[in-house]
Amino acid sequence: MASQFEQRVRADLNDARRSLQKERTLVLATLLSELKNKEIEVGHELTDDECLGVVSKAVKQRKDAVAQFRAGAREDLVAHEEGQIAILQDYLPAQLTAADVRAMVQEVVSAGANNIGAVMKQLSPRIKGRFDGAEANRIVREVLGA
């Protein structure tokens, strides 16, 4: 039995196929494949949280590709990757802003955490799948003055 998340992606894929949305069909078919590969890797049916992890990873890979394509002045490929990111972000929970994360960091620091490791340990579960970890680390360093 597939998870609710996987069932939603499969239903959306079928809708995209019916309405002849090539880009959306490609992205969702690829996502289902990545979900199945992860399921094989871990040896059990994925939970919804694990599915979100796969989507987050796919978004991060595409953001990295966007940065590389921009550096190479390939705006046509940047637009393509950004379109894929937009499709995938429909499956992620509402994203946090830098201001939201900064407030969380202030809260953790005021509760007594005084080094990067301690702050990140408390912050990571709260932002997982909703904010980039590297950017969160940068904010933590900035707040701690490290």
N, C-alpha and C. Protein backbone atom coordinates (compact mmCIF):
# COMPACT_ATOMS: atom_id res chain seq x y z
N MET A 1 0.85 -1.19 0.00
CA MET A 1 0.00 0.00 0.00
C MET A 1 0.89 1.25 0.00
N ALA A 2 0.72 2.09 -0.97
CA ALA A 2 1.52 3.30 -1.08
C ALA A 2 1.06 4.33 -0.05
N SER A 3 2.00 5.19 0.34
CA SER A 3 1.67 6.24 1.30
C SER A 3 0.71 7.23 0.66
N GLN A 4 0.05 8.02 1.50
CA GLN A 4 -0.87 9.04 0.99
C GLN A 4 -0.14 10.00 0.06
N PHE A 5 1.09 10.31 0.43
CA PHE A 5 1.89 11.24 -0.36
C PHE A 5 2.10 10.67 -1.77
N GLU A 6 2.51 9.41 -1.82
CA GLU A 6 2.77 8.77 -3.12
C GLU A 6 1.49 8.66 -3.94
N GLN A 7 0.38 8.37 -3.28
CA GLN A 7 -0.90 8.30 -3.99
C GLN A 7 -1.27 9.65 -4.59
N ARG A 8 -0.99 10.72 -3.85
CA ARG A 8 -1.27 12.07 -4.35
C ARG A 8 -0.43 12.38 -5.58
N VAL A 9 0.86 12.04 -5.53
CA VAL A 9 1.74 12.29 -6.67
C VAL A 9 1.27 11.48 -7.87
N ARG A 10 0.90 10.22 -7.65
CA ARG A 10 0.44 9.36 -8.74
C ARG A 10 -0.84 9.92 -9.37
N ALA A 11 -1.78 10.39 -8.55
CA ALA A 11 -3.02 10.97 -9.07
C ALA A 11 -2.73 12.24 -9.87
N ASP A 12 -1.83 13.08 -9.35
CA ASP A 12 -1.45 14.30 -10.06
C ASP A 12 -0.75 13.98 -11.38
N LEU A 13 0.04 12.92 -11.38
CA LEU A 13 0.72 12.50 -12.61
C LEU A 13 -0.31 12.08 -13.65
N ASN A 14 -1.31 11.32 -13.24
CA ASN A 14 -2.34 10.90 -14.18
C ASN A 14 -3.11 12.10 -14.73
N ASP A 15 -3.40 13.07 -13.87
CA ASP A 15 -4.07 14.30 -14.34
C ASP A 15 -3.20 15.06 -15.34
N ALA A 16 -1.90 15.13 -15.06
CA ALA A 16 -0.99 15.84 -15.96
C ALA A 16 -0.91 15.13 -17.31
N ARG A 17 -0.93 13.81 -17.28
CA ARG A 17 -0.90 13.04 -18.54
C ARG A 17 -2.17 13.30 -19.35
N ARG A 18 -3.31 13.27 -18.66
CA ARG A 18 -4.58 13.49 -19.35
C ARG A 18 -4.66 14.87 -19.98
N SER A 19 -4.11 15.87 -19.29
CA SER A 19 -4.18 17.24 -19.80
C SER A 19 -2.96 17.61 -20.65
N LEU A 20 -2.14 16.61 -20.97
CA LEU A 20 -0.98 16.75 -21.88
C LEU A 20 0.02 17.82 -21.42
N GLN A 21 0.27 17.87 -20.13
CA GLN A 21 1.26 18.79 -19.56
C GLN A 21 2.60 18.06 -19.51
N LYS A 22 3.39 18.22 -20.56
CA LYS A 22 4.63 17.45 -20.70
C LYS A 22 5.61 17.69 -19.54
N GLU A 23 5.85 18.94 -19.21
CA GLU A 23 6.82 19.26 -18.16
C GLU A 23 6.39 18.68 -16.81
N ARG A 24 5.14 18.88 -16.46
CA ARG A 24 4.62 18.37 -15.19
C ARG A 24 4.66 16.83 -15.17
N THR A 25 4.30 16.22 -16.28
CA THR A 25 4.35 14.76 -16.38
C THR A 25 5.76 14.25 -16.15
N LEU A 26 6.73 14.89 -16.78
CA LEU A 26 8.13 14.49 -16.64
C LEU A 26 8.60 14.62 -15.19
N VAL A 27 8.31 15.74 -14.57
CA VAL A 27 8.75 16.00 -13.20
C VAL A 27 8.11 14.99 -12.23
N LEU A 28 6.82 14.76 -12.37
CA LEU A 28 6.13 13.86 -11.44
C LEU A 28 6.54 12.40 -11.65
N ALA A 29 6.76 12.01 -12.91
CA ALA A 29 7.22 10.65 -13.17
C ALA A 29 8.61 10.44 -12.58
N THR A 30 9.45 11.45 -12.71
CA THR A 30 10.80 11.38 -12.13
C THR A 30 10.71 11.31 -10.61
N LEU A 31 9.83 12.08 -10.02
CA LEU A 31 9.65 12.07 -8.57
C LEU A 31 9.19 10.70 -8.09
N LEU A 32 8.23 10.10 -8.79
CA LEU A 32 7.78 8.76 -8.40
C LEU A 32 8.92 7.75 -8.48
N SER A 33 9.75 7.89 -9.49
CA SER A 33 10.91 7.02 -9.63
C SER A 33 11.88 7.20 -8.47
N GLU A 34 12.12 8.46 -8.09
CA GLU A 34 13.02 8.74 -6.96
C GLU A 34 12.44 8.20 -5.66
N LEU A 35 11.13 8.29 -5.50
CA LEU A 35 10.48 7.74 -4.31
C LEU A 35 10.65 6.22 -4.26
N LYS A 36 10.46 5.56 -5.40
CA LYS A 36 10.60 4.11 -5.46
C LYS A 36 12.04 3.70 -5.18
N ASN A 37 13.00 4.44 -5.74
CA ASN A 37 14.42 4.13 -5.47
C ASN A 37 14.75 4.27 -4.00
N LYS A 38 14.23 5.30 -3.36
CA LYS A 38 14.46 5.51 -1.93
C LYS A 38 13.84 4.37 -1.12
N GLU A 39 12.66 3.93 -1.54
CA GLU A 39 11.98 2.83 -0.87
C GLU A 39 12.82 1.55 -0.94
N ILE A 40 13.40 1.30 -2.08
CA ILE A 40 14.27 0.14 -2.26
C ILE A 40 15.51 0.28 -1.40
N GLU A 41 16.06 1.50 -1.37
CA GLU A 41 17.28 1.77 -0.59
C GLU A 41 17.08 1.52 0.90
N VAL A 42 15.95 2.00 1.45
CA VAL A 42 15.72 1.86 2.89
C VAL A 42 15.07 0.53 3.25
N GLY A 43 14.50 -0.16 2.29
CA GLY A 43 13.95 -1.49 2.53
C GLY A 43 12.57 -1.53 3.16
N HIS A 44 11.87 -0.42 3.14
CA HIS A 44 10.49 -0.39 3.65
C HIS A 44 9.72 0.70 2.93
N GLU A 45 8.40 0.65 3.12
CA GLU A 45 7.56 1.69 2.52
C GLU A 45 7.86 3.02 3.19
N LEU A 46 7.97 4.07 2.39
CA LEU A 46 8.33 5.39 2.91
C LEU A 46 7.20 6.01 3.70
N THR A 47 7.58 6.69 4.77
CA THR A 47 6.61 7.50 5.51
C THR A 47 6.45 8.82 4.75
N ASP A 48 5.46 9.59 5.13
CA ASP A 48 5.27 10.88 4.48
C ASP A 48 6.47 11.80 4.72
N ASP A 49 7.09 11.73 5.91
CA ASP A 49 8.28 12.54 6.20
C ASP A 49 9.44 12.15 5.29
N GLU A 50 9.60 10.85 5.06
CA GLU A 50 10.68 10.40 4.18
C GLU A 50 10.41 10.85 2.74
N CYS A 51 9.15 10.84 2.35
CA CYS A 51 8.78 11.32 1.01
C CYS A 51 9.12 12.80 0.87
N LEU A 52 8.82 13.57 1.91
CA LEU A 52 9.16 15.00 1.88
C LEU A 52 10.67 15.20 1.77
N GLY A 53 11.43 14.32 2.40
CA GLY A 53 12.89 14.39 2.29
C GLY A 53 13.35 14.20 0.86
N VAL A 54 12.71 13.27 0.15
CA VAL A 54 13.05 13.03 -1.26
C VAL A 54 12.72 14.26 -2.10
N VAL A 55 11.57 14.86 -1.85
CA VAL A 55 11.19 16.06 -2.60
C VAL A 55 12.15 17.21 -2.30
N SER A 56 12.49 17.38 -1.02
CA SER A 56 13.43 18.44 -0.63
C SER A 56 14.76 18.27 -1.34
N LYS A 57 15.23 17.04 -1.40
CA LYS A 57 16.51 16.75 -2.06
C LYS A 57 16.42 17.09 -3.56
N ALA A 58 15.29 16.74 -4.18
CA ALA A 58 15.11 17.04 -5.61
C ALA A 58 15.10 18.54 -5.85
N VAL A 59 14.46 19.29 -4.97
CA VAL A 59 14.43 20.76 -5.10
C VAL A 59 15.83 21.32 -4.94
N LYS A 60 16.56 20.83 -3.95
CA LYS A 60 17.92 21.31 -3.70
C LYS A 60 18.82 21.04 -4.91
N GLN A 61 18.69 19.85 -5.50
CA GLN A 61 19.50 19.52 -6.68
C GLN A 61 19.20 20.50 -7.82
N ARG A 62 17.96 20.82 -8.00
CA ARG A 62 17.59 21.74 -9.07
C ARG A 62 18.05 23.17 -8.78
N LYS A 63 18.03 23.56 -7.50
CA LYS A 63 18.54 24.89 -7.14
C LYS A 63 20.04 24.97 -7.39
N ASP A 64 20.74 23.89 -7.10
CA ASP A 64 22.18 23.85 -7.38
C ASP A 64 22.43 23.96 -8.88
N ALA A 65 21.59 23.27 -9.66
CA ALA A 65 21.72 23.34 -11.12
C ALA A 65 21.46 24.76 -11.62
N VAL A 66 20.46 25.43 -11.04
CA VAL A 66 20.16 26.81 -11.42
C VAL A 66 21.38 27.70 -11.20
N ALA A 67 22.03 27.53 -10.05
CA ALA A 67 23.22 28.34 -9.75
C ALA A 67 24.32 28.08 -10.78
N GLN A 68 24.51 26.84 -11.14
CA GLN A 68 25.53 26.51 -12.14
C GLN A 68 25.18 27.04 -13.52
N PHE A 69 23.91 26.92 -13.89
CA PHE A 69 23.49 27.42 -15.20
C PHE A 69 23.60 28.95 -15.27
N ARG A 70 23.29 29.63 -14.15
CA ARG A 70 23.44 31.08 -14.13
C ARG A 70 24.90 31.46 -14.31
N ALA A 71 25.79 30.73 -13.64
CA ALA A 71 27.22 31.01 -13.76
C ALA A 71 27.70 30.79 -15.19
N GLY A 72 27.05 29.87 -15.89
CA GLY A 72 27.42 29.59 -17.27
C GLY A 72 26.62 30.40 -18.28
N ALA A 73 25.82 31.35 -17.81
CA ALA A 73 25.00 32.22 -18.67
C ALA A 73 24.05 31.41 -19.55
N ARG A 74 23.43 30.38 -18.96
CA ARG A 74 22.47 29.56 -19.70
C ARG A 74 21.07 29.81 -19.16
N GLU A 75 20.53 30.99 -19.46
CA GLU A 75 19.24 31.40 -18.93
C GLU A 75 18.09 30.49 -19.40
N ASP A 76 18.23 29.88 -20.58
CA ASP A 76 17.20 28.95 -21.05
C ASP A 76 17.08 27.76 -20.12
N LEU A 77 18.21 27.24 -19.65
CA LEU A 77 18.20 26.10 -18.74
C LEU A 77 17.79 26.53 -17.32
N VAL A 78 18.10 27.77 -16.96
CA VAL A 78 17.68 28.29 -15.65
C VAL A 78 16.15 28.28 -15.58
N ALA A 79 15.51 28.77 -16.62
CA ALA A 79 14.04 28.82 -16.66
C ALA A 79 13.44 27.42 -16.57
N HIS A 80 14.06 26.47 -17.25
CA HIS A 80 13.59 25.08 -17.24
C HIS A 80 13.65 24.50 -15.82
N GLU A 81 14.79 24.68 -15.17
CA GLU A 81 14.97 24.15 -13.80
C GLU A 81 14.04 24.85 -12.82
N GLU A 82 13.87 26.15 -12.95
CA GLU A 82 12.98 26.89 -12.05
C GLU A 82 11.53 26.44 -12.22
N GLY A 83 11.15 26.08 -13.43
CA GLY A 83 9.81 25.52 -13.67
C GLY A 83 9.63 24.20 -12.93
N GLN A 84 10.67 23.37 -12.94
CA GLN A 84 10.61 22.10 -12.23
C GLN A 84 10.55 22.32 -10.72
N ILE A 85 11.31 23.30 -10.24
CA ILE A 85 11.29 23.63 -8.80
C ILE A 85 9.87 24.02 -8.38
N ALA A 86 9.21 24.85 -9.20
CA ALA A 86 7.86 25.31 -8.87
C ALA A 86 6.89 24.13 -8.77
N ILE A 87 7.03 23.16 -9.65
CA ILE A 87 6.16 21.98 -9.61
C ILE A 87 6.42 21.18 -8.34
N LEU A 88 7.68 20.97 -8.01
CA LEU A 88 8.02 20.18 -6.83
C LEU A 88 7.63 20.86 -5.53
N GLN A 89 7.71 22.19 -5.50
CA GLN A 89 7.41 22.90 -4.26
C GLN A 89 5.93 22.80 -3.87
N ASP A 90 5.09 22.40 -4.82
CA ASP A 90 3.68 22.16 -4.48
C ASP A 90 3.54 21.03 -3.48
N TYR A 91 4.55 20.16 -3.40
CA TYR A 91 4.48 18.99 -2.53
C TYR A 91 5.19 19.19 -1.21
N LEU A 92 5.77 20.35 -1.01
CA LEU A 92 6.45 20.66 0.25
C LEU A 92 5.55 21.50 1.13
N PRO A 93 5.73 21.41 2.45
CA PRO A 93 4.96 22.29 3.33
C PRO A 93 5.36 23.74 3.09
N ALA A 94 4.58 24.67 3.59
CA ALA A 94 4.87 26.09 3.41
C ALA A 94 6.29 26.38 3.88
N GLN A 95 7.03 27.08 3.04
CA GLN A 95 8.42 27.38 3.33
C GLN A 95 8.53 28.52 4.34
N LEU A 96 9.57 28.44 5.14
CA LEU A 96 9.85 29.49 6.12
C LEU A 96 10.67 30.59 5.47
N THR A 97 10.54 31.78 5.98
CA THR A 97 11.36 32.89 5.51
C THR A 97 12.61 32.98 6.38
N ALA A 98 13.58 33.74 5.92
CA ALA A 98 14.80 33.95 6.71
C ALA A 98 14.46 34.62 8.04
N ALA A 99 13.47 35.51 8.03
CA ALA A 99 13.07 36.19 9.26
C ALA A 99 12.47 35.19 10.26
N ASP A 100 11.69 34.22 9.75
CA ASP A 100 11.12 33.18 10.62
C ASP A 100 12.24 32.38 11.29
N VAL A 101 13.22 31.99 10.48
CA VAL A 101 14.33 31.18 10.99
C VAL A 101 15.17 31.99 11.97
N ARG A 102 15.40 33.25 11.65
CA ARG A 102 16.17 34.13 12.55
C ARG A 102 15.47 34.21 13.92
N ALA A 103 14.14 34.32 13.92
CA ALA A 103 13.38 34.37 15.18
C ALA A 103 13.52 33.05 15.94
N MET A 104 13.49 31.93 15.22
CA MET A 104 13.68 30.63 15.87
C MET A 104 15.07 30.52 16.48
N VAL A 105 16.06 31.00 15.76
CA VAL A 105 17.44 30.97 16.25
C VAL A 105 17.55 31.82 17.52
N GLN A 106 16.97 33.01 17.52
CA GLN A 106 16.99 33.88 18.70
C GLN A 106 16.35 33.17 19.89
N GLU A 107 15.25 32.48 19.62
CA GLU A 107 14.54 31.75 20.67
C GLU A 107 15.42 30.63 21.26
N VAL A 108 16.09 29.89 20.40
CA VAL A 108 16.96 28.79 20.84
C VAL A 108 18.15 29.34 21.62
N VAL A 109 18.73 30.43 21.13
CA VAL A 109 19.88 31.05 21.80
C VAL A 109 19.45 31.58 23.17
N SER A 110 18.30 32.21 23.25
CA SER A 110 17.84 32.75 24.54
C SER A 110 17.49 31.63 25.53
N ALA A 111 17.24 30.43 25.01
CA ALA A 111 16.95 29.29 25.89
C ALA A 111 18.24 28.66 26.42
N GLY A 112 19.39 29.15 25.97
CA GLY A 112 20.65 28.69 26.56
C GLY A 112 21.66 28.09 25.61
N ALA A 113 21.27 27.79 24.39
CA ALA A 113 22.23 27.23 23.44
C ALA A 113 23.21 28.33 23.03
N ASN A 114 24.51 28.05 23.13
CA ASN A 114 25.47 29.12 22.87
C ASN A 114 26.55 28.76 21.85
N ASN A 115 26.38 27.62 21.15
CA ASN A 115 27.32 27.31 20.07
C ASN A 115 26.54 26.78 18.86
N ILE A 116 27.20 26.79 17.73
CA ILE A 116 26.53 26.44 16.47
C ILE A 116 25.91 25.05 16.53
N GLY A 117 26.66 24.08 17.05
CA GLY A 117 26.17 22.70 17.11
C GLY A 117 24.90 22.58 17.93
N ALA A 118 24.89 23.20 19.10
CA ALA A 118 23.72 23.12 19.99
C ALA A 118 22.51 23.79 19.36
N VAL A 119 22.72 24.93 18.72
CA VAL A 119 21.61 25.65 18.09
C VAL A 119 21.07 24.85 16.92
N MET A 120 21.96 24.35 16.05
CA MET A 120 21.52 23.58 14.88
C MET A 120 20.80 22.30 15.29
N LYS A 121 21.24 21.68 16.38
CA LYS A 121 20.61 20.44 16.85
C LYS A 121 19.14 20.70 17.21
N GLN A 122 18.86 21.82 17.82
CA GLN A 122 17.48 22.16 18.20
C GLN A 122 16.69 22.73 17.02
N LEU A 123 17.39 23.43 16.13
CA LEU A 123 16.73 24.11 15.02
C LEU A 123 16.36 23.16 13.88
N SER A 124 17.25 22.23 13.57
CA SER A 124 17.08 21.36 12.40
C SER A 124 15.74 20.64 12.33
N PRO A 125 15.28 20.00 13.41
CA PRO A 125 13.98 19.32 13.30
C PRO A 125 12.82 20.29 13.03
N ARG A 126 12.94 21.50 13.49
CA ARG A 126 11.87 22.49 13.31
C ARG A 126 11.79 23.04 11.90
N ILE A 127 12.92 23.03 11.18
CA ILE A 127 12.93 23.62 9.83
C ILE A 127 13.01 22.58 8.73
N LYS A 128 13.16 21.32 9.09
CA LYS A 128 13.36 20.25 8.10
C LYS A 128 12.29 20.29 7.01
N GLY A 129 12.76 20.36 5.78
CA GLY A 129 11.86 20.37 4.63
C GLY A 129 11.20 21.72 4.37
N ARG A 130 11.45 22.69 5.25
CA ARG A 130 10.80 23.99 5.09
C ARG A 130 11.79 25.12 4.90
N PHE A 131 13.09 24.83 5.07
CA PHE A 131 14.11 25.86 4.89
C PHE A 131 15.44 25.17 4.64
N ASP A 132 16.28 25.78 3.83
CA ASP A 132 17.57 25.22 3.47
C ASP A 132 18.51 25.19 4.69
N GLY A 133 19.08 24.03 4.96
CA GLY A 133 19.96 23.86 6.11
C GLY A 133 21.21 24.72 6.05
N ALA A 134 21.80 24.86 4.87
CA ALA A 134 23.02 25.66 4.74
C ALA A 134 22.72 27.14 5.03
N GLU A 135 21.59 27.60 4.56
CA GLU A 135 21.20 28.99 4.83
C GLU A 135 20.89 29.17 6.32
N ALA A 136 20.28 28.18 6.93
CA ALA A 136 20.01 28.24 8.37
C ALA A 136 21.31 28.31 9.15
N ASN A 137 22.29 27.53 8.73
CA ASN A 137 23.60 27.53 9.38
C ASN A 137 24.24 28.92 9.28
N ARG A 138 24.11 29.56 8.12
CA ARG A 138 24.64 30.90 7.93
C ARG A 138 23.98 31.88 8.89
N ILE A 139 22.66 31.76 9.05
CA ILE A 139 21.93 32.65 9.96
C ILE A 139 22.38 32.41 11.40
N VAL A 140 22.56 31.15 11.78
CA VAL A 140 23.01 30.83 13.14
C VAL A 140 24.37 31.46 13.39
N ARG A 141 25.28 31.33 12.44
CA ARG A 141 26.62 31.91 12.59
C ARG A 141 26.53 33.43 12.74
N GLU A 142 25.65 34.03 11.96
CA GLU A 142 25.47 35.49 12.00
C GLU A 142 24.94 35.92 13.37
N VAL A 143 23.95 35.23 13.89
CA VAL A 143 23.34 35.57 15.17
C VAL A 143 24.35 35.37 16.32
N LEU A 144 25.11 34.27 16.23
CA LEU A 144 26.08 33.99 17.29
C LEU A 144 27.36 34.81 17.16
N GLY A 145 27.51 35.46 16.02
CA GLY A 145 28.71 36.27 15.78
C GLY A 145 29.94 35.40 15.55
N ALA A 146 29.71 34.19 15.05
CA ALA A 146 30.82 33.26 14.82
C ALA A 146 31.37 33.37 13.41
